[in-house]
Amino acid sequence: MAKASDTLAKILGLVLLVGGAGLAFWGYQMSQSVVAQFSRAMTGALPDAVMYRYIGGAVAAAVGLFLLVKK
């Protein structure tokens, strides 16, 4: 029974790791847009939507990595 829960945790960890990397990449793509560049020029900061994707991607990737490496 413990093997099934370990396998499920590894699969979930892999999904979170890939999803987190995808969110971070999406945030990077958004940060290169004209609107984001204009916002950065005017305010000196990235738009909130970009930061939400960066933070969400980092958290998801960290949790996914934790689930993959835990014993």
N, C-alpha and C. Protein backbone atom coordinates (compact mmCIF):
# COMPACT_ATOMS: atom_id res chain seq x y z
N MET A 1 0.83 -1.19 0.00
CA MET A 1 0.00 0.00 0.00
C MET A 1 0.87 1.26 0.00
N ALA A 2 2.00 1.21 0.68
CA ALA A 2 2.89 2.37 0.73
C ALA A 2 3.49 2.66 -0.64
N LYS A 3 3.66 1.63 -1.45
CA LYS A 3 4.23 1.82 -2.79
C LYS A 3 3.31 2.67 -3.67
N ALA A 4 2.00 2.46 -3.57
CA ALA A 4 1.06 3.21 -4.38
C ALA A 4 1.06 4.68 -4.00
N SER A 5 1.14 4.98 -2.72
CA SER A 5 1.16 6.39 -2.31
C SER A 5 2.49 7.05 -2.68
N ASP A 6 3.58 6.28 -2.65
CA ASP A 6 4.87 6.82 -3.09
C ASP A 6 4.86 7.13 -4.58
N THR A 7 4.27 6.25 -5.35
CA THR A 7 4.19 6.46 -6.79
C THR A 7 3.31 7.67 -7.10
N LEU A 8 2.21 7.80 -6.39
CA LEU A 8 1.31 8.94 -6.60
C LEU A 8 2.03 10.25 -6.23
N ALA A 9 2.79 10.24 -5.16
CA ALA A 9 3.53 11.43 -4.75
C ALA A 9 4.58 11.80 -5.79
N LYS A 10 5.25 10.82 -6.37
CA LYS A 10 6.26 11.08 -7.40
C LYS A 10 5.61 11.66 -8.66
N ILE A 11 4.47 11.11 -9.05
CA ILE A 11 3.76 11.62 -10.22
C ILE A 11 3.29 13.04 -9.98
N LEU A 12 2.72 13.28 -8.81
CA LEU A 12 2.26 14.63 -8.47
C LEU A 12 3.44 15.60 -8.42
N GLY A 13 4.56 15.15 -7.88
CA GLY A 13 5.76 15.99 -7.84
C GLY A 13 6.25 16.35 -9.23
N LEU A 14 6.23 15.38 -10.13
CA LEU A 14 6.66 15.65 -11.50
C LEU A 14 5.72 16.63 -12.19
N VAL A 15 4.41 16.45 -11.98
CA VAL A 15 3.42 17.36 -12.58
C VAL A 15 3.62 18.78 -12.04
N LEU A 16 3.83 18.91 -10.74
CA LEU A 16 4.05 20.24 -10.16
C LEU A 16 5.35 20.87 -10.64
N LEU A 17 6.38 20.07 -10.77
CA LEU A 17 7.66 20.59 -11.24
C LEU A 17 7.55 21.10 -12.68
N VAL A 18 6.93 20.32 -13.53
CA VAL A 18 6.76 20.74 -14.93
C VAL A 18 5.80 21.93 -15.02
N GLY A 19 4.71 21.89 -14.25
CA GLY A 19 3.78 23.01 -14.25
C GLY A 19 4.40 24.30 -13.73
N GLY A 20 5.22 24.18 -12.70
CA GLY A 20 5.90 25.35 -12.16
C GLY A 20 6.88 25.94 -13.15
N ALA A 21 7.60 25.08 -13.86
CA ALA A 21 8.51 25.57 -14.89
C ALA A 21 7.72 26.25 -16.02
N GLY A 22 6.57 25.69 -16.35
CA GLY A 22 5.72 26.30 -17.37
C GLY A 22 5.20 27.66 -16.95
N LEU A 23 4.79 27.78 -15.71
CA LEU A 23 4.31 29.08 -15.20
C LEU A 23 5.43 30.12 -15.22
N ALA A 24 6.62 29.71 -14.80
CA ALA A 24 7.74 30.64 -14.79
C ALA A 24 8.09 31.08 -16.22
N PHE A 25 8.05 30.15 -17.15
CA PHE A 25 8.32 30.50 -18.55
C PHE A 25 7.25 31.43 -19.10
N TRP A 26 5.99 31.16 -18.74
CA TRP A 26 4.89 32.03 -19.16
C TRP A 26 5.09 33.44 -18.62
N GLY A 27 5.49 33.53 -17.35
CA GLY A 27 5.77 34.84 -16.77
C GLY A 27 6.90 35.56 -17.49
N TYR A 28 7.94 34.79 -17.87
CA TYR A 28 9.05 35.39 -18.62
C TYR A 28 8.57 35.91 -19.96
N GLN A 29 7.75 35.13 -20.64
CA GLN A 29 7.22 35.56 -21.93
C GLN A 29 6.38 36.84 -21.78
N MET A 30 5.59 36.89 -20.71
CA MET A 30 4.77 38.09 -20.46
C MET A 30 5.64 39.29 -20.15
N SER A 31 6.75 39.08 -19.48
CA SER A 31 7.61 40.20 -19.10
C SER A 31 8.30 40.82 -20.31
N GLN A 32 8.36 40.10 -21.41
CA GLN A 32 8.99 40.62 -22.62
C GLN A 32 8.00 41.33 -23.55
N SER A 33 6.73 41.39 -23.15
CA SER A 33 5.72 42.02 -24.01
C SER A 33 5.88 43.54 -23.99
N VAL A 34 5.26 44.18 -24.95
CA VAL A 34 5.33 45.64 -25.06
C VAL A 34 4.69 46.30 -23.85
N VAL A 35 3.56 45.77 -23.40
CA VAL A 35 2.86 46.35 -22.25
C VAL A 35 3.72 46.26 -21.00
N ALA A 36 4.36 45.11 -20.79
CA ALA A 36 5.21 44.95 -19.62
C ALA A 36 6.44 45.86 -19.70
N GLN A 37 7.01 45.99 -20.88
CA GLN A 37 8.18 46.87 -21.05
C GLN A 37 7.79 48.33 -20.77
N PHE A 38 6.61 48.73 -21.24
CA PHE A 38 6.14 50.08 -20.99
C PHE A 38 5.88 50.29 -19.50
N SER A 39 5.26 49.32 -18.87
CA SER A 39 4.98 49.42 -17.43
C SER A 39 6.28 49.50 -16.64
N ARG A 40 7.28 48.70 -17.03
CA ARG A 40 8.56 48.73 -16.35
C ARG A 40 9.25 50.09 -16.54
N ALA A 41 9.11 50.67 -17.73
CA ALA A 41 9.72 51.97 -17.99
C ALA A 41 9.05 53.08 -17.17
N MET A 42 7.74 52.99 -17.00
CA MET A 42 7.02 54.02 -16.27
C MET A 42 7.11 53.87 -14.75
N THR A 43 7.00 52.65 -14.26
CA THR A 43 6.94 52.44 -12.81
C THR A 43 8.21 51.85 -12.23
N GLY A 44 9.03 51.24 -13.06
CA GLY A 44 10.23 50.59 -12.57
C GLY A 44 10.00 49.19 -12.04
N ALA A 45 8.78 48.68 -12.17
CA ALA A 45 8.45 47.34 -11.66
C ALA A 45 7.69 46.56 -12.73
N LEU A 46 7.76 45.24 -12.62
CA LEU A 46 7.00 44.40 -13.53
C LEU A 46 5.52 44.44 -13.16
N PRO A 47 4.64 44.17 -14.11
CA PRO A 47 3.21 44.09 -13.80
C PRO A 47 2.92 42.96 -12.81
N ASP A 48 1.84 43.10 -12.07
CA ASP A 48 1.48 42.11 -11.06
C ASP A 48 1.26 40.72 -11.66
N ALA A 49 0.66 40.66 -12.84
CA ALA A 49 0.39 39.36 -13.46
C ALA A 49 1.67 38.58 -13.71
N VAL A 50 2.72 39.27 -14.09
CA VAL A 50 4.01 38.62 -14.32
C VAL A 50 4.57 38.10 -12.98
N MET A 51 4.50 38.91 -11.96
CA MET A 51 5.02 38.50 -10.66
C MET A 51 4.24 37.33 -10.08
N TYR A 52 2.92 37.31 -10.28
CA TYR A 52 2.11 36.17 -9.81
C TYR A 52 2.55 34.88 -10.48
N ARG A 53 2.85 34.94 -11.76
CA ARG A 53 3.29 33.74 -12.46
C ARG A 53 4.69 33.32 -12.01
N TYR A 54 5.58 34.27 -11.80
CA TYR A 54 6.91 33.93 -11.28
C TYR A 54 6.81 33.27 -9.90
N ILE A 55 6.04 33.87 -9.01
CA ILE A 55 5.93 33.33 -7.65
C ILE A 55 5.21 31.98 -7.66
N GLY A 56 4.12 31.88 -8.40
CA GLY A 56 3.40 30.61 -8.49
C GLY A 56 4.25 29.52 -9.09
N GLY A 57 5.01 29.85 -10.11
CA GLY A 57 5.90 28.87 -10.72
C GLY A 57 6.99 28.41 -9.77
N ALA A 58 7.56 29.33 -9.02
CA ALA A 58 8.61 28.97 -8.08
C ALA A 58 8.07 28.09 -6.96
N VAL A 59 6.91 28.42 -6.44
CA VAL A 59 6.31 27.62 -5.36
C VAL A 59 5.95 26.23 -5.86
N ALA A 60 5.31 26.15 -7.02
CA ALA A 60 4.92 24.85 -7.57
C ALA A 60 6.15 24.00 -7.86
N ALA A 61 7.19 24.60 -8.43
CA ALA A 61 8.41 23.84 -8.73
C ALA A 61 9.09 23.37 -7.45
N ALA A 62 9.11 24.20 -6.43
CA ALA A 62 9.75 23.81 -5.17
C ALA A 62 8.99 22.66 -4.50
N VAL A 63 7.67 22.73 -4.48
CA VAL A 63 6.87 21.65 -3.90
C VAL A 63 7.04 20.37 -4.73
N GLY A 64 7.03 20.51 -6.05
CA GLY A 64 7.23 19.35 -6.90
C GLY A 64 8.59 18.71 -6.71
N LEU A 65 9.62 19.53 -6.58
CA LEU A 65 10.97 18.99 -6.33
C LEU A 65 11.03 18.30 -4.98
N PHE A 66 10.39 18.87 -3.98
CA PHE A 66 10.34 18.25 -2.66
C PHE A 66 9.67 16.88 -2.72
N LEU A 67 8.54 16.79 -3.42
CA LEU A 67 7.83 15.52 -3.53
C LEU A 67 8.64 14.48 -4.30
N LEU A 68 9.45 14.94 -5.25
CA LEU A 68 10.25 13.99 -6.02
C LEU A 68 11.42 13.43 -5.23
N VAL A 69 12.03 14.24 -4.37
CA VAL A 69 13.25 13.80 -3.69
C VAL A 69 13.02 13.22 -2.30
N LYS A 70 11.83 13.40 -1.73
CA LYS A 70 11.60 12.86 -0.40
C LYS A 70 11.54 11.34 -0.44
N LYS A 71 11.94 10.73 0.63
CA LYS A 71 12.00 9.25 0.66
C LYS A 71 10.73 8.64 1.15
